[in-house]
PDB file of N, CA and C in Angstrom:
ATOM      1  N   UNK A   1     166.881  42.517-127.324  1.00  0.00           N
ATOM      2  CA  UNK A   1     166.605  41.466-128.196  1.00  0.00           C
ATOM      3  C   UNK A   1     167.169  42.239-129.466  1.00  0.00           C
ATOM      4  N   UNK A   2     168.081  41.312-130.219  1.00  0.00           N
ATOM      5  CA  UNK A   2     168.372  41.783-131.535  1.00  0.00           C
ATOM      6  C   UNK A   2     167.413  41.588-132.541  1.00  0.00           C
ATOM      7  N   UNK A   3     167.417  42.289-133.520  1.00  0.00           N
ATOM      8  CA  UNK A   3     166.419  42.341-134.642  1.00  0.00           C
ATOM      9  C   UNK A   3     166.542  40.849-135.367  1.00  0.00           C
ATOM     10  N   UNK A   4     165.255  40.330-135.587  1.00  0.00           N
ATOM     11  CA  UNK A   4     165.254  38.945-136.000  1.00  0.00           C
ATOM     12  C   UNK A   4     165.430  37.712-135.225  1.00  0.00           C
ATOM     13  N   UNK A   5     165.890  37.982-134.093  1.00  0.00           N
ATOM     14  CA  UNK A   5     165.909  36.883-133.047  1.00  0.00           C
ATOM     15  C   UNK A   5     164.332  36.491-132.616  1.00  0.00           C
ATOM     16  N   UNK A   6     164.628  35.154-132.542  1.00  0.00           N
ATOM     17  CA  UNK A   6     163.073  34.705-132.042  1.00  0.00           C
ATOM     18  C   UNK A   6     162.706  34.983-130.789  1.00  0.00           C
ATOM     19  N   UNK A   7     161.638  35.271-130.454  1.00  0.00           N
ATOM     20  CA  UNK A   7     160.834  35.443-129.056  1.00  0.00           C
ATOM     21  C   UNK A   7     161.012  34.104-128.358  1.00  0.00           C
ATOM     22  N   UNK A   8     160.991  34.636-127.259  1.00  0.00           N
ATOM     23  CA  UNK A   8     160.878  33.282-126.381  1.00  0.00           C
ATOM     24  C   UNK A   8     159.731  32.275-126.621  1.00  0.00           C
ATOM     25  N   UNK A   9     158.583  32.726-127.043  1.00  0.00           N
ATOM     26  CA  UNK A   9     157.449  31.948-127.260  1.00  0.00           C
ATOM     27  C   UNK A   9     157.644  31.389-128.511  1.00  0.00           C
ATOM     28  N   UNK A  10     158.660  31.639-129.591  1.00  0.00           N
ATOM     29  CA  UNK A  10     158.859  30.988-130.566  1.00  0.00           C
ATOM     30  C   UNK A  10     160.138  30.043-130.792  1.00  0.00           C
ATOM     31  N   UNK A  11     160.853  30.063-129.691  1.00  0.00           N
ATOM     32  CA  UNK A  11     161.964  29.047-129.691  1.00  0.00           C
ATOM     33  C   UNK A  11     161.489  27.602-129.780  1.00  0.00           C
ATOM     34  N   UNK A  12     162.591  27.057-130.651  1.00  0.00           N
ATOM     35  CA  UNK A  12     162.707  25.742-131.197  1.00  0.00           C
ATOM     36  C   UNK A  12     164.165  25.092-130.762  1.00  0.00           C
ATOM     37  N   UNK A  13     163.991  23.754-130.565  1.00  0.00           N
ATOM     38  CA  UNK A  13     165.472  23.117-129.988  1.00  0.00           C
ATOM     39  C   UNK A  13     165.258  21.895-130.972  1.00  0.00           C
ATOM     40  N   UNK A  14     166.741  21.865-131.774  1.00  0.00           N
ATOM     41  CA  UNK A  14     166.668  20.562-132.581  1.00  0.00           C
ATOM     42  C   UNK A  14     167.180  19.386-131.791  1.00  0.00           C
ATOM     43  N   UNK A  15     166.408  18.328-132.164  1.00  0.00           N
ATOM     44  CA  UNK A  15     166.460  17.001-131.279  1.00  0.00           C
ATOM     45  C   UNK A  15     167.131  15.999-132.106  1.00  0.00           C
ATOM     46  N   UNK A  16     167.096  16.191-133.363  1.00  0.00           N
ATOM     47  CA  UNK A  16     167.890  15.262-134.288  1.00  0.00           C
ATOM     48  C   UNK A  16     168.133  15.781-135.807  1.00  0.00           C
ATOM     49  N   UNK A  17     169.352  15.175-136.223  1.00  0.00           N
ATOM     50  CA  UNK A  17     169.699  15.548-137.783  1.00  0.00           C
ATOM     51  C   UNK A  17     170.289  14.531-138.272  1.00  0.00           C
ATOM     52  N   UNK A  18     170.082  14.302-139.291  1.00  0.00           N
ATOM     53  CA  UNK A  18     170.607  13.341-140.529  1.00  0.00           C
ATOM     54  C   UNK A  18     170.593  13.843-141.977  1.00  0.00           C
ATOM     55  N   UNK A  19     171.760  13.529-142.535  1.00  0.00           N
ATOM     56  CA  UNK A  19     171.601  13.617-144.054  1.00  0.00           C
ATOM     57  C   UNK A  19     172.290  12.374-144.808  1.00  0.00           C
ATOM     58  N   UNK A  20     171.940  12.437-146.018  1.00  0.00           N
ATOM     59  CA  UNK A  20     172.081  11.315-146.812  1.00  0.00           C
ATOM     60  C   UNK A  20     171.923  11.555-148.215  1.00  0.00           C
ATOM     61  N   UNK A  21     172.710  11.713-149.084  1.00  0.00           N
ATOM     62  CA  UNK A  21     172.606  11.877-150.651  1.00  0.00           C
ATOM     63  C   UNK A  21     172.207  13.273-150.705  1.00  0.00           C
ATOM     64  N   UNK A  22     172.457  14.347-149.724  1.00  0.00           N
ATOM     65  CA  UNK A  22     171.881  15.573-150.072  1.00  0.00           C
ATOM     66  C   UNK A  22     170.330  15.738-149.585  1.00  0.00           C
ATOM     67  N   UNK A  23     169.931  14.837-148.825  1.00  0.00           N
ATOM     68  CA  UNK A  23     168.593  15.062-148.357  1.00  0.00           C
ATOM     69  C   UNK A  23     168.946  15.196-146.865  1.00  0.00           C
ATOM     70  N   UNK A  24     168.437  16.376-146.195  1.00  0.00           N
ATOM     71  CA  UNK A  24     168.651  16.696-144.642  1.00  0.00           C
ATOM     72  C   UNK A  24     167.244  16.525-144.113  1.00  0.00           C
ATOM     73  N   UNK A  25     167.345  15.869-142.763  1.00  0.00           N
ATOM     74  CA  UNK A  25     166.002  15.742-142.339  1.00  0.00           C
ATOM     75  C   UNK A  25     166.341  16.238-141.031  1.00  0.00           C
ATOM     76  N   UNK A  26     165.493  16.869-140.225  1.00  0.00           N
ATOM     77  CA  UNK A  26     165.681  17.637-139.023  1.00  0.00           C
ATOM     78  C   UNK A  26     164.544  17.669-138.115  1.00  0.00           C
ATOM     79  N   UNK A  27     164.625  16.919-136.956  1.00  0.00           N
ATOM     80  CA  UNK A  27     163.386  16.899-135.975  1.00  0.00           C
ATOM     81  C   UNK A  27     163.683  18.089-135.048  1.00  0.00           C
ATOM     82  N   UNK A  28     162.642  18.851-134.641  1.00  0.00           N
ATOM     83  CA  UNK A  28     162.569  20.094-133.846  1.00  0.00           C
ATOM     84  C   UNK A  28     161.533  20.105-132.743  1.00  0.00           C
ATOM     85  N   UNK A  29     161.646  20.444-131.595  1.00  0.00           N
ATOM     86  CA  UNK A  29     160.783  20.474-130.697  1.00  0.00           C
ATOM     87  C   UNK A  29     160.321  22.147-130.366  1.00  0.00           C
ATOM     88  N   UNK A  30     159.064  22.562-130.587  1.00  0.00           N
ATOM     89  CA  UNK A  30     158.692  24.033-130.359  1.00  0.00           C
ATOM     90  C   UNK A  30     158.284  24.180-128.732  1.00  0.00           C
ATOM     91  N   UNK A  31     159.127  24.832-128.169  1.00  0.00           N
ATOM     92  CA  UNK A  31     158.844  25.196-126.630  1.00  0.00           C
ATOM     93  C   UNK A  31     157.515  25.840-126.533  1.00  0.00           C
ATOM     94  N   UNK A  32     156.875  26.876-127.323  1.00  0.00           N
ATOM     95  CA  UNK A  32     155.804  27.340-127.023  1.00  0.00           C
ATOM     96  C   UNK A  32     154.534  26.514-126.762  1.00  0.00           C
ATOM     97  N   UNK A  33     154.478  25.428-127.890  1.00  0.00           N
ATOM     98  CA  UNK A  33     153.200  24.485-127.882  1.00  0.00           C
ATOM     99  C   UNK A  33     153.591  23.276-127.438  1.00  0.00           C
ATOM    100  N   UNK A  34     154.905  23.003-127.300  1.00  0.00           N
ATOM    101  CA  UNK A  34     155.249  21.660-127.028  1.00  0.00           C
ATOM    102  C   UNK A  34     154.905  20.507-128.288  1.00  0.00           C
ATOM    103  N   UNK A  35     154.964  21.013-129.338  1.00  0.00           N
ATOM    104  CA  UNK A  35     154.948  20.508-130.756  1.00  0.00           C
ATOM    105  C   UNK A  35     156.149  20.144-131.446  1.00  0.00           C
ATOM    106  N   UNK A  36     156.141  19.287-132.156  1.00  0.00           N
ATOM    107  CA  UNK A  36     157.189  18.468-132.916  1.00  0.00           C
ATOM    108  C   UNK A  36     157.087  18.950-134.624  1.00  0.00           C
ATOM    109  N   UNK A  37     158.181  19.067-135.264  1.00  0.00           N
ATOM    110  CA  UNK A  37     158.138  19.367-136.556  1.00  0.00           C
ATOM    111  C   UNK A  37     159.240  18.538-136.976  1.00  0.00           C
ATOM    112  N   UNK A  38     159.175  17.928-138.269  1.00  0.00           N
ATOM    113  CA  UNK A  38     160.129  17.497-139.144  1.00  0.00           C
ATOM    114  C   UNK A  38     160.312  18.109-140.121  1.00  0.00           C
ATOM    115  N   UNK A  39     161.411  18.485-140.295  1.00  0.00           N
ATOM    116  CA  UNK A  39     161.885  19.443-141.780  1.00  0.00           C
ATOM    117  C   UNK A  39     162.871  18.751-142.419  1.00  0.00           C
ATOM    118  N   UNK A  40     162.248  18.575-143.838  1.00  0.00           N
ATOM    119  CA  UNK A  40     162.968  17.638-144.928  1.00  0.00           C
ATOM    120  C   UNK A  40     163.580  18.738-146.206  1.00  0.00           C
ATOM    121  N   UNK A  41     164.896  18.816-146.282  1.00  0.00           N
ATOM    122  CA  UNK A  41     165.319  19.922-147.397  1.00  0.00           C
ATOM    123  C   UNK A  41     166.131  18.777-148.189  1.00  0.00           C
ATOM    124  N   UNK A  42     165.777  18.762-149.428  1.00  0.00           N
ATOM    125  CA  UNK A  42     166.281  17.947-150.430  1.00  0.00           C
ATOM    126  C   UNK A  42     167.093  18.901-151.650  1.00  0.00           C
ATOM    127  N   UNK A  43     168.496  18.833-151.416  1.00  0.00           N
ATOM    128  CA  UNK A  43     169.211  19.907-152.110  1.00  0.00           C
ATOM    129  C   UNK A  43     169.290  19.442-153.572  1.00  0.00           C
ATOM    130  N   UNK A  44     169.132  18.236-153.894  1.00  0.00           N
ATOM    131  CA  UNK A  44     169.375  17.717-155.204  1.00  0.00           C
ATOM    132  C   UNK A  44     167.977  18.001-155.858  1.00  0.00           C
ATOM    133  N   UNK A  45     166.931  18.086-155.490  1.00  0.00           N
ATOM    134  CA  UNK A  45     165.731  18.204-156.269  1.00  0.00           C
ATOM    135  C   UNK A  45     165.296  19.645-155.982  1.00  0.00           C
ATOM    136  N   UNK A  46     165.845  20.425-155.007  1.00  0.00           N
ATOM    137  CA  UNK A  46     165.483  21.661-154.728  1.00  0.00           C
ATOM    138  C   UNK A  46     164.367  21.900-153.815  1.00  0.00           C
ATOM    139  N   UNK A  47     163.752  21.170-153.274  1.00  0.00           N
ATOM    140  CA  UNK A  47     162.368  21.008-152.470  1.00  0.00           C
ATOM    141  C   UNK A  47     162.784  20.964-150.959  1.00  0.00           C
ATOM    142  N   UNK A  48     161.827  21.266-150.325  1.00  0.00           N
ATOM    143  CA  UNK A  48     161.236  21.164-149.050  1.00  0.00           C
ATOM    144  C   UNK A  48     159.741  21.045-148.499  1.00  0.00           C
ATOM    145  N   UNK A  49     159.988  20.278-147.344  1.00  0.00           N
ATOM    146  CA  UNK A  49     158.657  20.405-146.787  1.00  0.00           C
ATOM    147  C   UNK A  49     158.837  19.995-145.421  1.00  0.00           C
ATOM    148  N   UNK A  50     157.552  20.446-144.590  1.00  0.00           N
ATOM    149  CA  UNK A  50     157.856  19.831-143.257  1.00  0.00           C
ATOM    150  C   UNK A  50     156.268  19.209-142.636  1.00  0.00           C
ATOM    151  N   UNK A  51     156.382  18.532-141.612  1.00  0.00           N
ATOM    152  CA  UNK A  51     155.312  17.795-141.117  1.00  0.00           C
ATOM    153  C   UNK A  51     155.146  17.883-139.856  1.00  0.00           C
ATOM    154  N   UNK A  52     154.058  17.762-138.916  1.00  0.00           N
ATOM    155  CA  UNK A  52     154.043  17.758-137.631  1.00  0.00           C
ATOM    156  C   UNK A  52     153.067  16.444-136.929  1.00  0.00           C
ATOM    157  N   UNK A  53     154.127  15.744-136.809  1.00  0.00           N
ATOM    158  CA  UNK A  53     153.806  14.461-136.467  1.00  0.00           C
ATOM    159  C   UNK A  53     153.282  14.372-135.154  1.00  0.00           C
ATOM    160  N   UNK A  54     152.480  13.457-134.560  1.00  0.00           N
ATOM    161  CA  UNK A  54     151.924  13.074-133.367  1.00  0.00           C
ATOM    162  C   UNK A  54     153.395  12.643-132.653  1.00  0.00           C
ATOM    163  N   UNK A  55     153.021  12.979-131.160  1.00  0.00           N
ATOM    164  CA  UNK A  55     154.449  12.500-130.451  1.00  0.00           C
ATOM    165  C   UNK A  55     154.946  10.961-130.462  1.00  0.00           C
ATOM    166  N   UNK A  56     153.831  10.485-130.513  1.00  0.00           N
ATOM    167  CA  UNK A  56     154.167   8.863-130.562  1.00  0.00           C
ATOM    168  C   UNK A  56     154.767   8.583-132.098  1.00  0.00           C
ATOM    169  N   UNK A  57     154.738   9.340-133.009  1.00  0.00           N
ATOM    170  CA  UNK A  57     154.983   9.178-134.427  1.00  0.00           C
ATOM    171  C   UNK A  57     156.256   9.807-134.926  1.00  0.00           C
ATOM    172  N   UNK A  58     156.996  10.605-134.108  1.00  0.00           N
ATOM    173  CA  UNK A  58     157.742  11.277-134.305  1.00  0.00           C
ATOM    174  C   UNK A  58     159.323  10.812-134.733  1.00  0.00           C
ATOM    175  N   UNK A  59     159.529   9.827-134.098  1.00  0.00           N
ATOM    176  CA  UNK A  59     160.792   9.251-134.619  1.00  0.00           C
ATOM    177  C   UNK A  59     160.766   8.151-136.028  1.00  0.00           C
ATOM    178  N   UNK A  60     159.653   7.853-135.999  1.00  0.00           N
ATOM    179  CA  UNK A  60     159.110   7.337-137.355  1.00  0.00           C
ATOM    180  C   UNK A  60     159.053   8.168-138.364  1.00  0.00           C
ATOM    181  N   UNK A  61     158.389   9.168-138.141  1.00  0.00           N
ATOM    182  CA  UNK A  61     158.605  10.332-139.192  1.00  0.00           C
ATOM    183  C   UNK A  61     159.916  10.877-139.644  1.00  0.00           C
ATOM    184  N   UNK A  62     160.756  11.089-138.472  1.00  0.00           N
ATOM    185  CA  UNK A  62     162.019  11.403-138.411  1.00  0.00           C
ATOM    186  C   UNK A  62     162.845  10.444-139.497  1.00  0.00           C
ATOM    187  N   UNK A  63     162.741   9.360-139.280  1.00  0.00           N
ATOM    188  CA  UNK A  63     163.304   8.176-140.267  1.00  0.00           C
ATOM    189  C   UNK A  63     162.971   7.757-141.430  1.00  0.00           C
ATOM    190  N   UNK A  64     161.463   8.157-141.438  1.00  0.00           N
ATOM    191  CA  UNK A  64     160.739   7.892-142.800  1.00  0.00           C
ATOM    192  C   UNK A  64     159.719   8.826-142.939  1.00  0.00           C
ATOM    193  N   UNK A  65     160.192  10.301-143.443  1.00  0.00           N
ATOM    194  CA  UNK A  65     159.351  11.497-143.723  1.00  0.00           C
ATOM    195  C   UNK A  65     158.709  11.443-144.851  1.00  0.00           C
ATOM    196  N   UNK A  66     159.232  10.817-145.897  1.00  0.00           N
ATOM    197  CA  UNK A  66     158.387  10.655-147.085  1.00  0.00           C
ATOM    198  C   UNK A  66     157.187   9.733-146.765  1.00  0.00           C
ATOM    199  N   UNK A  67     156.962   8.742-146.050  1.00  0.00           N
ATOM    200  CA  UNK A  67     156.024   7.976-145.457  1.00  0.00           C
ATOM    201  C   UNK A  67     154.980   8.849-145.270  1.00  0.00           C
ATOM    202  N   UNK A  68     155.114  10.069-144.360  1.00  0.00           N
ATOM    203  CA  UNK A  68     154.387  10.665-143.691  1.00  0.00           C
ATOM    204  C   UNK A  68     153.824  12.068-144.282  1.00  0.00           C
ATOM    205  N   UNK A  69     154.533  12.193-145.518  1.00  0.00           N
ATOM    206  CA  UNK A  69     154.319  13.736-146.313  1.00  0.00           C
ATOM    207  C   UNK A  69     152.921  13.553-146.839  1.00  0.00           C
TER     208      UNK A  69
END
């Protein structure tokens, strides 16, 4: 395994991605614990945050992450 490569237990899969006006929003699924993570990167403001929504709220959190932050 290459240095820095994720271990099997740390694998994540991107489920969705969108970008608008320098704000990038990504929805990931973590294989290890079957969890979901939404990551938001705001290039203009130079900020980033992540949230871990409940499964039933994942798409709403992806489309409206600031409401869940």
